[in-house]
C-alpha atoms as a PDB file:
ATOM      1  CA  MET A   1     -17.484 -19.856 -20.273  1.00  0.00           C
ATOM      2  CA  PRO A   2     -18.583 -20.524 -16.652  1.00  0.00           C
ATOM      3  CA  ALA A   3     -17.094 -17.869 -14.309  1.00  0.00           C
ATOM      4  CA  GLN A   4     -16.429 -18.186 -10.499  1.00  0.00           C
ATOM      5  CA  GLN A   5     -17.552 -15.452  -8.155  1.00  0.00           C
ATOM      6  CA  LEU A   6     -15.102 -13.512  -6.150  1.00  0.00           C
ATOM      7  CA  THR A   7     -15.845 -12.008  -2.720  1.00  0.00           C
ATOM      8  CA  VAL A   8     -14.646  -9.062  -0.807  1.00  0.00           C
ATOM      9  CA  ILE A   9     -12.085 -10.041   1.912  1.00  0.00           C
ATOM     10  CA  ASP A  10     -10.715  -6.553   3.098  1.00  0.00           C
ATOM     11  CA  THR A  11     -10.427  -2.885   1.839  1.00  0.00           C
ATOM     12  CA  ALA A  12      -7.799  -0.479   2.231  1.00  0.00           C
ATOM     13  CA  ASP A  13      -7.405   3.314   1.843  1.00  0.00           C
ATOM     14  CA  VAL A  14      -4.965   4.776  -0.975  1.00  0.00           C
ATOM     15  CA  ASP A  15      -4.610   8.481  -0.851  1.00  0.00           C
ATOM     16  CA  LEU A  16      -4.918   8.970  -4.442  1.00  0.00           C
ATOM     17  CA  LEU A  17      -7.839  10.246  -6.649  1.00  0.00           C
ATOM     18  CA  GLU A  18      -8.985   8.287  -9.630  1.00  0.00           C
ATOM     19  CA  ILE A  19      -6.526   5.219  -9.471  1.00  0.00           C
ATOM     20  CA  SER A  20      -5.836   4.168 -13.053  1.00  0.00           C
ATOM     21  CA  GLY A  21      -3.426   1.187 -12.436  1.00  0.00           C
ATOM     22  CA  LEU A  22      -1.708  -1.030 -10.019  1.00  0.00           C
ATOM     23  CA  GLY A  23       1.706  -2.685 -10.270  1.00  0.00           C
ATOM     24  CA  GLN A  24       4.506  -4.464  -8.349  1.00  0.00           C
ATOM     25  CA  ARG A  25       8.095  -4.147  -7.876  1.00  0.00           C
ATOM     26  CA  HIS A  26      10.912  -5.657  -5.667  1.00  0.00           C
ATOM     27  CA  HIS A  27      11.852  -3.432  -2.612  1.00  0.00           C
ATOM     28  CA  PRO A  28      15.067  -1.762  -3.421  1.00  0.00           C
ATOM     29  CA  ASP A  29      16.548  -3.005  -0.091  1.00  0.00           C
ATOM     30  CA  GLY A  30      15.649  -6.617  -1.135  1.00  0.00           C
ATOM     31  CA  ARG A  31      12.739  -6.812   1.524  1.00  0.00           C
ATOM     32  CA  GLY A  32      10.087  -8.425  -0.574  1.00  0.00           C
ATOM     33  CA  LEU A  33       7.604  -7.123  -3.060  1.00  0.00           C
ATOM     34  CA  GLN A  34       5.665  -3.670  -3.093  1.00  0.00           C
ATOM     35  CA  VAL A  35       2.623  -2.660  -4.565  1.00  0.00           C
ATOM     36  CA  LEU A  36       2.542   0.617  -6.781  1.00  0.00           C
ATOM     37  CA  ALA A  37      -0.633   2.675  -7.423  1.00  0.00           C
ATOM     38  CA  VAL A  38      -0.771   5.506 -10.012  1.00  0.00           C
ATOM     39  CA  GLY A  39      -3.581   7.756 -11.055  1.00  0.00           C
ATOM     40  CA  ASP A  40      -4.209   9.832 -14.426  1.00  0.00           C
ATOM     41  CA  ASP A  41      -4.590  12.971 -12.500  1.00  0.00           C
ATOM     42  CA  GLU A  42      -1.650  13.494 -10.253  1.00  0.00           C
ATOM     43  CA  PHE A  43       2.113  13.151 -11.042  1.00  0.00           C
ATOM     44  CA  THR A  44       2.295  10.762  -7.957  1.00  0.00           C
ATOM     45  CA  VAL A  45       3.153   7.168  -7.239  1.00  0.00           C
ATOM     46  CA  LEU A  46       1.840   5.551  -4.052  1.00  0.00           C
ATOM     47  CA  ILE A  47       3.947   2.621  -2.715  1.00  0.00           C
ATOM     48  CA  ALA A  48       3.302   0.045   0.095  1.00  0.00           C
ATOM     49  CA  ASP A  49       4.943  -3.258   1.122  1.00  0.00           C
ATOM     50  CA  LEU A  50       3.118  -6.262  -0.097  1.00  0.00           C
ATOM     51  CA  GLU A  51       2.977  -9.259   2.084  1.00  0.00           C
ATOM     52  CA  ALA A  52       1.005 -12.333   1.246  1.00  0.00           C
ATOM     53  CA  GLY A  53      -2.158 -12.476   3.429  1.00  0.00           C
ATOM     54  CA  VAL A  54      -1.627  -8.980   4.797  1.00  0.00           C
ATOM     55  CA  THR A  55      -3.627  -6.088   3.445  1.00  0.00           C
ATOM     56  CA  PRO A  56      -1.262  -3.085   2.482  1.00  0.00           C
ATOM     57  CA  ARG A  57      -2.188  -0.168   4.821  1.00  0.00           C
ATOM     58  CA  HIS A  58       0.902   2.261   4.832  1.00  0.00           C
ATOM     59  CA  PHE A  59       1.442   3.965   1.529  1.00  0.00           C
ATOM     60  CA  ASP A  60       4.467   6.342   0.953  1.00  0.00           C
ATOM     61  CA  ARG A  61       3.740   9.150  -1.453  1.00  0.00           C
ATOM     62  CA  LEU A  62       6.180  10.241  -3.992  1.00  0.00           C
ATOM     63  CA  ARG A  63       5.418  13.320  -6.182  1.00  0.00           C
ATOM     64  CA  LEU A  64       7.237  13.318  -9.350  1.00  0.00           C
ATOM     65  CA  GLU A  65       6.845  16.443 -11.260  1.00  0.00           C
ATOM     66  CA  ASP A  66      10.283  17.578 -10.736  1.00  0.00           C
ATOM     67  CA  VAL A  67      11.640  14.208 -11.929  1.00  0.00           C
ATOM     68  CA  LEU A  68      10.108  14.192 -15.417  1.00  0.00           C
ATOM     69  CA  ALA A  69      11.677  16.110 -18.326  1.00  0.00           C
ATOM     70  CA  GLU A  70      10.118  19.419 -19.500  1.00  0.00           C
ATOM     71  CA  GLY A  71       7.392  19.233 -22.174  1.00  0.00           C
ATOM     72  CA  GLU A  72       5.485  16.543 -20.418  1.00  0.00           C
ATOM     73  CA  PRO A  73       1.503  17.017 -19.799  1.00  0.00           C
ATOM     74  CA  THR A  74       0.789  19.681 -17.362  1.00  0.00           C
ATOM     75  CA  HIS A  75      -2.814  19.198 -16.996  1.00  0.00           C
ATOM     76  CA  GLY A  76      -3.146  15.686 -15.384  1.00  0.00           C
ATOM     77  CA  SER A  77      -0.484  12.970 -15.503  1.00  0.00           C
ATOM     78  CA  GLN A  78      -2.463  10.715 -17.925  1.00  0.00           C
ATOM     79  CA  TRP A  79      -0.828   7.800 -16.132  1.00  0.00           C
ATOM     80  CA  GLU A  80      -2.551   4.688 -16.709  1.00  0.00           C
ATOM     81  CA  ALA A  81      -0.314   1.802 -15.600  1.00  0.00           C
ATOM     82  CA  ALA A  82       2.665   0.878 -13.575  1.00  0.00           C
ATOM     83  CA  ASP A  83       5.165  -2.186 -13.345  1.00  0.00           C
ATOM     84  CA  GLY A  84       8.576  -2.743 -11.781  1.00  0.00           C
ATOM     85  CA  ASP A  85      11.519  -5.388 -11.814  1.00  0.00           C
ATOM     86  CA  ALA A  86      14.005  -6.868  -9.409  1.00  0.00           C
ATOM     87  CA  SER A  87      16.168  -3.736  -9.430  1.00  0.00           C
ATOM     88  CA  GLY A  88      13.384  -1.773  -7.870  1.00  0.00           C
ATOM     89  CA  ARG A  89      13.088   0.465 -10.974  1.00  0.00           C
ATOM     90  CA  VAL A  90       9.456   1.718 -11.547  1.00  0.00           C
ATOM     91  CA  PHE A  91       7.926   1.784 -15.220  1.00  0.00           C
ATOM     92  CA  VAL A  92       4.911   4.187 -15.671  1.00  0.00           C
ATOM     93  CA  LEU A  93       2.680   4.179 -18.901  1.00  0.00           C
ATOM     94  CA  GLN A  94       1.451   7.639 -19.927  1.00  0.00           C
ATOM     95  CA  GLU A  95      -1.644   7.237 -22.211  1.00  0.00           C
ATOM     96  CA  ASP A  96      -1.372  10.123 -24.699  1.00  0.00           C
ATOM     97  CA  PRO A  97       1.107  10.662 -26.026  1.00  0.00           C
ATOM     98  CA  ALA A  98       2.099   6.975 -25.430  1.00  0.00           C
ATOM     99  CA  VAL A  99       5.250   6.973 -23.443  1.00  0.00           C
ATOM    100  CA  VAL A 100       6.750   4.666 -20.654  1.00  0.00           C
ATOM    101  CA  PHE A 101       8.776   6.563 -18.146  1.00  0.00           C
ATOM    102  CA  VAL A 102      11.423   4.425 -16.374  1.00  0.00           C
ATOM    103  CA  LEU A 103      12.440   5.764 -12.913  1.00  0.00           C
ATOM    104  CA  ASN A 104      15.464   4.644 -10.762  1.00  0.00           C
ATOM    105  CA  PRO A 105      14.718   2.651  -7.513  1.00  0.00           C
ATOM    106  CA  GLY A 106      14.716   5.822  -5.356  1.00  0.00           C
ATOM    107  CA  MET A 107      12.367   7.321  -7.861  1.00  0.00           C
ATOM    108  CA  ASP A 108      14.364  10.528  -7.918  1.00  0.00           C
ATOM    109  CA  ASP A 109      15.880  10.132 -11.436  1.00  0.00           C
ATOM    110  CA  LEU A 110      14.477   9.307 -14.863  1.00  0.00           C
ATOM    111  CA  VAL A 111      16.719   6.596 -16.417  1.00  0.00           C
ATOM    112  CA  SER A 112      14.864   6.131 -19.610  1.00  0.00           C
ATOM    113  CA  ARG A 113      11.886   7.494 -21.701  1.00  0.00           C
ATOM    114  CA  ILE A 114      10.440   5.012 -24.066  1.00  0.00           C
ATOM    115  CA  THR A 115       8.131   6.515 -26.842  1.00  0.00           C
ATOM    116  CA  LEU A 116       5.463   3.986 -28.116  1.00  0.00           C
ATOM    117  CA  ALA A 117       5.283   4.647 -31.880  1.00  0.00           C
ATOM    118  CA  ASN A 118       2.367   3.392 -33.680  1.00  0.00           C
ATOM    119  CA  THR A 119       3.454   4.044 -37.353  1.00  0.00           C
ATOM    120  CA  THR A 120       2.136   0.877 -38.848  1.00  0.00           C
ATOM    121  CA  PRO A 121      -1.061   0.369 -40.914  1.00  0.00           C
ATOM    122  CA  GLU A 122      -2.553  -1.845 -38.336  1.00  0.00           C
ATOM    123  CA  GLY A 123      -1.890   0.768 -35.629  1.00  0.00           C
ATOM    124  CA  ASP A 124      -3.622   3.331 -37.810  1.00  0.00           C
ATOM    125  CA  ASP A 125      -6.572   1.032 -38.224  1.00  0.00           C
ATOM    126  CA  LEU A 126      -6.885   0.840 -34.675  1.00  0.00           C
ATOM    127  CA  GLY A 127      -6.963   4.546 -34.191  1.00  0.00           C
ATOM    128  CA  LEU A 128      -3.826   4.432 -32.016  1.00  0.00           C
ATOM    129  CA  GLY A 129      -3.184   8.207 -31.042  1.00  0.00           C
ATOM    130  CA  ALA A 130      -6.541   9.316 -32.364  1.00  0.00           C
ATOM    131  CA  SER A 131      -8.625   8.355 -29.511  1.00  0.00           C
ATOM    132  CA  PRO A 132      -6.744   9.750 -26.321  1.00  0.00           C
ATOM    133  CA  ASN A 133      -9.204   8.184 -23.805  1.00  0.00           C
ATOM    134  CA  SER A 134      -9.205   4.703 -25.312  1.00  0.00           C
ATOM    135  CA  GLN A 135      -5.253   3.874 -25.540  1.00  0.00           C
ATOM    136  CA  GLY A 136      -2.872   1.954 -23.393  1.00  0.00           C
ATOM    137  CA  GLU A 137      -4.363   1.037 -19.992  1.00  0.00           C
ATOM    138  CA  GLY A 138      -2.171  -1.766 -18.802  1.00  0.00           C
ATOM    139  CA  LEU A 139       1.548  -2.502 -18.850  1.00  0.00           C
ATOM    140  CA  VAL A 140       3.628  -5.823 -18.499  1.00  0.00           C
ATOM    141  CA  LEU A 141       7.376  -6.111 -18.845  1.00  0.00           C
ATOM    142  CA  LEU A 142       8.857  -9.124 -20.753  1.00  0.00           C
ATOM    143  CA  ARG A 143      12.317 -10.766 -20.279  1.00  0.00           C
ATOM    144  CA  ASN A 144      13.371 -10.021 -23.890  1.00  0.00           C
ATOM    145  CA  GLY A 145      13.203  -6.177 -23.466  1.00  0.00           C
ATOM    146  CA  HIS A 146       9.806  -6.058 -24.968  1.00  0.00           C
ATOM    147  CA  ILE A 147       6.654  -4.534 -23.517  1.00  0.00           C
ATOM    148  CA  LEU A 148       3.035  -5.622 -23.620  1.00  0.00           C
ATOM    149  CA  ILE A 149       0.453  -2.881 -23.688  1.00  0.00           C
ATOM    150  CA  ALA A 150      -3.237  -3.338 -23.342  1.00  0.00           C
ATOM    151  CA  LYS A 151      -5.550  -0.942 -25.290  1.00  0.00           C
ATOM    152  CA  GLU A 152      -8.765  -0.346 -23.360  1.00  0.00           C
ATOM    153  CA  LYS A 153     -11.425  -0.530 -26.086  1.00  0.00           C
ATOM    154  CA  ASP A 154     -12.603   0.542 -29.557  1.00  0.00           C
ATOM    155  CA  PRO A 155     -11.360  -2.305 -29.844  1.00  0.00           C
ATOM    156  CA  PRO A 156      -9.604  -3.934 -26.875  1.00  0.00           C
ATOM    157  CA  VAL A 157      -6.344  -5.383 -27.987  1.00  0.00           C
ATOM    158  CA  LEU A 158      -3.093  -6.720 -26.490  1.00  0.00           C
ATOM    159  CA  MET A 159      -0.024  -5.175 -28.200  1.00  0.00           C
ATOM    160  CA  GLU A 160       3.683  -5.946 -28.328  1.00  0.00           C
ATOM    161  CA  TYR A 161       6.177  -3.138 -28.586  1.00  0.00           C
ATOM    162  CA  GLY A 162      10.033  -3.411 -28.972  1.00  0.00           C
ATOM    163  CA  PRO A 163      12.849  -2.011 -30.898  1.00  0.00           C
ATOM    164  CA  SER A 164      12.024  -1.476 -34.646  1.00  0.00           C
ATOM    165  CA  GLU A 165      14.693  -3.783 -35.825  1.00  0.00           C
ATOM    166  CA  GLU A 166      13.567  -6.716 -33.675  1.00  0.00           C
ATOM    167  CA  ARG A 167      10.691  -9.308 -34.584  1.00  0.00           C
ATOM    168  CA  PRO A 168       7.760  -9.959 -32.117  1.00  0.00           C
ATOM    169  CA  GLN A 169       8.214 -12.956 -29.901  1.00  0.00           C
ATOM    170  CA  GLY A 170       4.826 -13.310 -28.548  1.00  0.00           C
ATOM    171  CA  LEU A 171       3.987 -14.521 -25.159  1.00  0.00           C
ATOM    172  CA  THR A 172       5.345 -17.661 -23.231  1.00  0.00           C
ATOM    173  CA  PRO A 173       5.515 -18.159 -19.545  1.00  0.00           C
ATOM    174  CA  ASP A 174       9.248 -17.967 -19.567  1.00  0.00           C
ATOM    175  CA  LEU A 175       9.043 -14.245 -20.950  1.00  0.00           C
ATOM    176  CA  LEU A 176       6.775 -13.139 -18.151  1.00  0.00           C
ATOM    177  CA  PHE A 177       9.121 -12.591 -15.105  1.00  0.00           C
ATOM    178  CA  ALA A 178       6.733 -11.179 -12.416  1.00  0.00           C
ATOM    179  CA  THR A 179       9.241  -8.912 -11.121  1.00  0.00           C
ATOM    180  CA  SER A 180      11.913 -11.446 -10.715  1.00  0.00           C
ATOM    181  CA  ASP A 181      14.510 -10.188 -13.176  1.00  0.00           C
ATOM    182  CA  GLU A 182      15.732  -6.915 -14.293  1.00  0.00           C
ATOM    183  CA  PHE A 183      14.496  -5.501 -17.481  1.00  0.00           C
ATOM    184  CA  PRO A 184      16.958  -4.951 -20.010  1.00  0.00           C
ATOM    185  CA  LEU A 185      17.019  -1.164 -20.619  1.00  0.00           C
ATOM    186  CA  PRO A 186      17.808   0.462 -23.930  1.00  0.00           C
ATOM    187  CA  ARG A 187      21.135   2.229 -23.752  1.00  0.00           C
ATOM    188  CA  GLU A 188      19.982   5.580 -24.673  1.00  0.00           C
ATOM    189  CA  LEU A 189      18.048   7.994 -22.300  1.00  0.00           C
ATOM    190  CA  ARG A 190      15.292   8.636 -24.962  1.00  0.00           C
ATOM    191  CA  THR A 191      14.383   5.900 -27.282  1.00  0.00           C
ATOM    192  CA  GLU A 192      11.451   4.625 -29.509  1.00  0.00           C
ATOM    193  CA  PHE A 193       9.794   1.309 -29.484  1.00  0.00           C
ATOM    194  CA  SER A 194       7.669   0.047 -32.548  1.00  0.00           C
ATOM    195  CA  LEU A 195       4.398  -1.613 -32.629  1.00  0.00           C
ATOM    196  CA  LEU A 196       5.666  -5.110 -33.575  1.00  0.00           C
ATOM    197  CA  THR A 197       2.192  -7.163 -33.319  1.00  0.00           C
ATOM    198  CA  ILE A 198      -1.454  -7.137 -32.098  1.00  0.00           C
ATOM    199  CA  TRP A 199      -3.768  -9.758 -30.732  1.00  0.00           C
ATOM    200  CA  HIS A 200      -7.624  -9.273 -30.871  1.00  0.00           C
ATOM    201  CA  LEU A 201      -9.984 -11.132 -28.590  1.00  0.00           C
ATOM    202  CA  SER A 202     -11.514 -14.061 -30.185  1.00  0.00           C
ATOM    203  CA  SER A 203     -15.273 -14.123 -30.483  1.00  0.00           C
ATOM    204  CA  SER A 204     -15.797 -16.070 -27.103  1.00  0.00           C
ATOM    205  CA  ALA A 205     -13.281 -13.852 -25.359  1.00  0.00           C
ATOM    206  CA  GLY A 206     -14.870 -10.821 -26.666  1.00  0.00           C
ATOM    207  CA  ASP A 207     -18.284 -11.986 -25.381  1.00  0.00           C
ATOM    208  CA  ALA A 208     -16.688 -12.282 -21.937  1.00  0.00           C
ATOM    209  CA  ILE A 209     -14.512  -9.137 -21.849  1.00  0.00           C
ATOM    210  CA  LYS A 210     -15.918  -5.795 -23.183  1.00  0.00           C
ATOM    211  CA  ASP A 211     -12.851  -3.814 -22.379  1.00  0.00           C
ATOM    212  CA  ILE A 212      -9.449  -3.946 -20.638  1.00  0.00           C
ATOM    213  CA  SER A 213      -8.646  -1.878 -17.768  1.00  0.00           C
ATOM    214  CA  ASP A 214      -5.361  -3.372 -16.563  1.00  0.00           C
ATOM    215  CA  ILE A 215      -3.121  -6.363 -17.061  1.00  0.00           C
ATOM    216  CA  ALA A 216      -1.056  -8.245 -14.385  1.00  0.00           C
ATOM    217  CA  VAL A 217       1.256 -11.203 -14.147  1.00  0.00           C
ATOM    218  CA  GLY A 218       0.483 -13.830 -11.576  1.00  0.00           C
ATOM    219  CA  PRO A 219       2.647 -16.189  -9.487  1.00  0.00           C
ATOM    220  CA  ASP A 220       1.857 -18.785 -11.968  1.00  0.00           C
ATOM    221  CA  GLU A 221       3.427 -16.632 -14.619  1.00  0.00           C
ATOM    222  CA  GLY A 222       0.123 -16.281 -16.248  1.00  0.00           C
ATOM    223  CA  LEU A 223      -1.254 -13.030 -17.695  1.00  0.00           C
ATOM    224  CA  TYR A 224      -4.415 -11.692 -16.198  1.00  0.00           C
ATOM    225  CA  LEU A 225      -6.774  -9.092 -17.686  1.00  0.00           C
ATOM    226  CA  LEU A 226      -9.100  -6.732 -15.496  1.00  0.00           C
ATOM    227  CA  SER A 227     -12.370  -5.515 -17.255  1.00  0.00           C
ATOM    228  CA  ASP A 228     -14.240  -2.665 -16.065  1.00  0.00           C
ATOM    229  CA  GLU A 229     -17.291  -2.974 -18.248  1.00  0.00           C
ATOM    230  CA  SER A 230     -17.605  -6.622 -17.729  1.00  0.00           C
ATOM    231  CA  ALA A 231     -16.809  -6.547 -14.120  1.00  0.00           C
ATOM    232  CA  CYS A 232     -14.386  -9.570 -14.338  1.00  0.00           C
ATOM    233  CA  ILE A 233     -10.883 -11.044 -14.180  1.00  0.00           C
ATOM    234  CA  ALA A 234      -9.687 -13.231 -17.029  1.00  0.00           C
ATOM    235  CA  GLN A 235      -6.642 -15.349 -17.304  1.00  0.00           C
ATOM    236  CA  LEU A 236      -5.464 -15.792 -20.861  1.00  0.00           C
ATOM    237  CA  GLU A 237      -4.134 -18.763 -22.484  1.00  0.00           C
ATOM    238  CA  ARG A 238      -0.436 -19.128 -21.359  1.00  0.00           C
ATOM    239  CA  THR A 239       1.066 -18.857 -24.765  1.00  0.00           C
ATOM    240  CA  LEU A 240       0.612 -16.479 -27.537  1.00  0.00           C
ATOM    241  CA  ASP A 241       2.275 -16.998 -30.864  1.00  0.00           C
ATOM    242  CA  PRO A 242       3.134 -13.850 -32.685  1.00  0.00           C
ATOM    243  CA  ALA A 243       1.534 -15.148 -35.970  1.00  0.00           C
ATOM    244  CA  GLN A 244      -1.903 -15.975 -34.304  1.00  0.00           C
ATOM    245  CA  GLU A 245      -4.556 -13.253 -34.581  1.00  0.00           C
ATOM    246  CA  HIS A 246      -6.729 -13.813 -31.389  1.00  0.00           C
ATOM    247  CA  LEU A 247      -6.520 -13.997 -27.763  1.00  0.00           C
ATOM    248  CA  GLU A 248      -8.460 -16.903 -25.862  1.00  0.00           C
ATOM    249  CA  VAL A 249      -9.457 -17.028 -22.184  1.00  0.00           C
ATOM    250  CA  ALA A 250      -8.693 -19.957 -19.907  1.00  0.00           C
ATOM    251  CA  SER A 251     -10.353 -18.833 -16.795  1.00  0.00           C
ATOM    252  CA  LEU A 252     -12.913 -16.099 -15.752  1.00  0.00           C
ATOM    253  CA  TRP A 253     -13.853 -14.720 -12.251  1.00  0.00           C
ATOM    254  CA  ASN A 254     -16.738 -12.236 -11.564  1.00  0.00           C
ATOM    255  CA  LEU A 255     -15.919  -9.296  -9.556  1.00  0.00           C
ATOM    256  CA  PRO A 256     -18.261  -8.460  -6.505  1.00  0.00           C
ATOM    257  CA  SER A 257     -20.685  -5.752  -7.173  1.00  0.00           C
ATOM    258  CA  GLU A 258     -19.178  -3.344  -4.612  1.00  0.00           C
ATOM    259  CA  LEU A 259     -16.472  -2.657  -7.046  1.00  0.00           C
ATOM    260  CA  GLU A 260     -17.593   0.182  -9.434  1.00  0.00           C
ATOM    261  CA  GLN A 261     -15.101   1.284 -12.205  1.00  0.00           C
ATOM    262  CA  PRO A 262     -12.164  -1.217 -11.231  1.00  0.00           C
ATOM    263  CA  GLU A 263      -8.953   0.076 -12.891  1.00  0.00           C
ATOM    264  CA  GLY A 264      -5.946  -1.530 -11.307  1.00  0.00           C
ATOM    265  CA  LEU A 265      -4.983  -5.190 -10.818  1.00  0.00           C
ATOM    266  CA  VAL A 266      -2.317  -7.139  -8.972  1.00  0.00           C
ATOM    267  CA  VAL A 267      -2.190 -10.772  -8.472  1.00  0.00           C
ATOM    268  CA  THR A 268      -0.151 -11.463  -5.255  1.00  0.00           C
ATOM    269  CA  GLU A 269       2.176 -14.542  -4.658  1.00  0.00           C
ATOM    270  CA  ASP A 270      -0.991 -16.498  -3.112  1.00  0.00           C
ATOM    271  CA  ARG A 271      -3.089 -15.609  -5.900  1.00  0.00           C
ATOM    272  CA  THR A 272      -4.947 -12.968  -4.187  1.00  0.00           C
ATOM    273  CA  PRO A 273      -6.215 -10.289  -6.573  1.00  0.00           C
ATOM    274  CA  LEU A 274      -5.918  -6.648  -5.381  1.00  0.00           C
ATOM    275  CA  VAL A 275      -8.384  -4.373  -7.278  1.00  0.00           C
ATOM    276  CA  ALA A 276      -8.350  -0.777  -7.262  1.00  0.00           C
ATOM    277  CA  ILE A 277     -11.263   1.466  -8.386  1.00  0.00           C
ATOM    278  CA  ASP A 278     -11.424   4.724  -9.933  1.00  0.00           C
ATOM    279  CA  THR A 279     -13.236   6.951  -7.627  1.00  0.00           C
ATOM    280  CA  GLY A 280     -13.108  10.712  -6.569  1.00  0.00           C
ATOM    281  CA  GLU A 281     -12.556   9.339  -2.893  1.00  0.00           C
ATOM    282  CA  ARG A 282      -9.311   8.614  -1.154  1.00  0.00           C
ATOM    283  CA  ASN A 283     -10.712   5.757   1.106  1.00  0.00           C
ATOM    284  CA  LYS A 284     -11.953   2.231   0.387  1.00  0.00           C
ATOM    285  CA  ASN A 285     -10.541   2.330  -2.922  1.00  0.00           C
ATOM    286  CA  LEU A 286      -8.363  -0.829  -2.865  1.00  0.00           C
ATOM    287  CA  PHE A 287     -10.264  -4.100  -2.586  1.00  0.00           C
ATOM    288  CA  VAL A 288      -8.652  -7.423  -1.421  1.00  0.00           C
ATOM    289  CA  LEU A 289     -10.610 -10.358  -2.952  1.00  0.00           C
ATOM    290  CA  SER A 290     -10.849 -13.978  -2.424  1.00  0.00           C
ATOM    291  CA  SER A 291      -8.187 -16.166  -4.075  1.00  0.00           C
ATOM    292  CA  LEU A 292      -8.216 -16.942  -7.827  1.00  0.00           C
ATOM    293  CA  GLU A 293      -8.765 -20.633  -7.548  1.00  0.00           C
END
């Protein structure tokens, strides 16, 4: 598949070591969108206003150790992804054990804790829970209350989680709300979602994408994958039937060579990709790239 080449338009400094994921949410005061950044070392979320054509510069820093319930990891956050909805709530994915923490818009209260259970033969075959460093890397919310999680590697797959009594619904553009709706939260503070279905990469998609570092929803209600190993952004086909086994890639863009270890992806309203890199430095770790034309 021919790939277009992206270029660096601008860079920004995010005061966070080893960024592992980016996401978006609506500003709690209704003032547009914000970009979220998390890292797998710190219990911290950084937030900045996100305006089309403007590089985010001013990040608010929120430390969240005291917000989480007792018994969570104490040596590194293991946070790999973040997402948000129209209410301003923030959803943070912990890699191992696999948990989605849901924080209120003010980010001073934990409103839900969703454990992602992998008690299926297929989940066991994938080694979910057995390889701590190759688990969930990307998080996308669906309008039906289900959650899409990308598994990084060994093998890279896309997984749908939801209540155990529900059936998988797959992926259609109308299920991807790109932060414009409120995610229907479970009633209980603590709940468990089951692994409902899994999609593997097709042979052609696997040739283009060796791993998945993050996933994001674009303004076209399309799903985009970020690959570290393959240094690219891929747009998936717009519909995934629950019964189909493989993912297909519709479009592909190569990342600039300056981006080493890309780990976080946001696609803005004007189709500009923001890509964060996993580095031990707190400067020039967020790249604004040319548009995904």
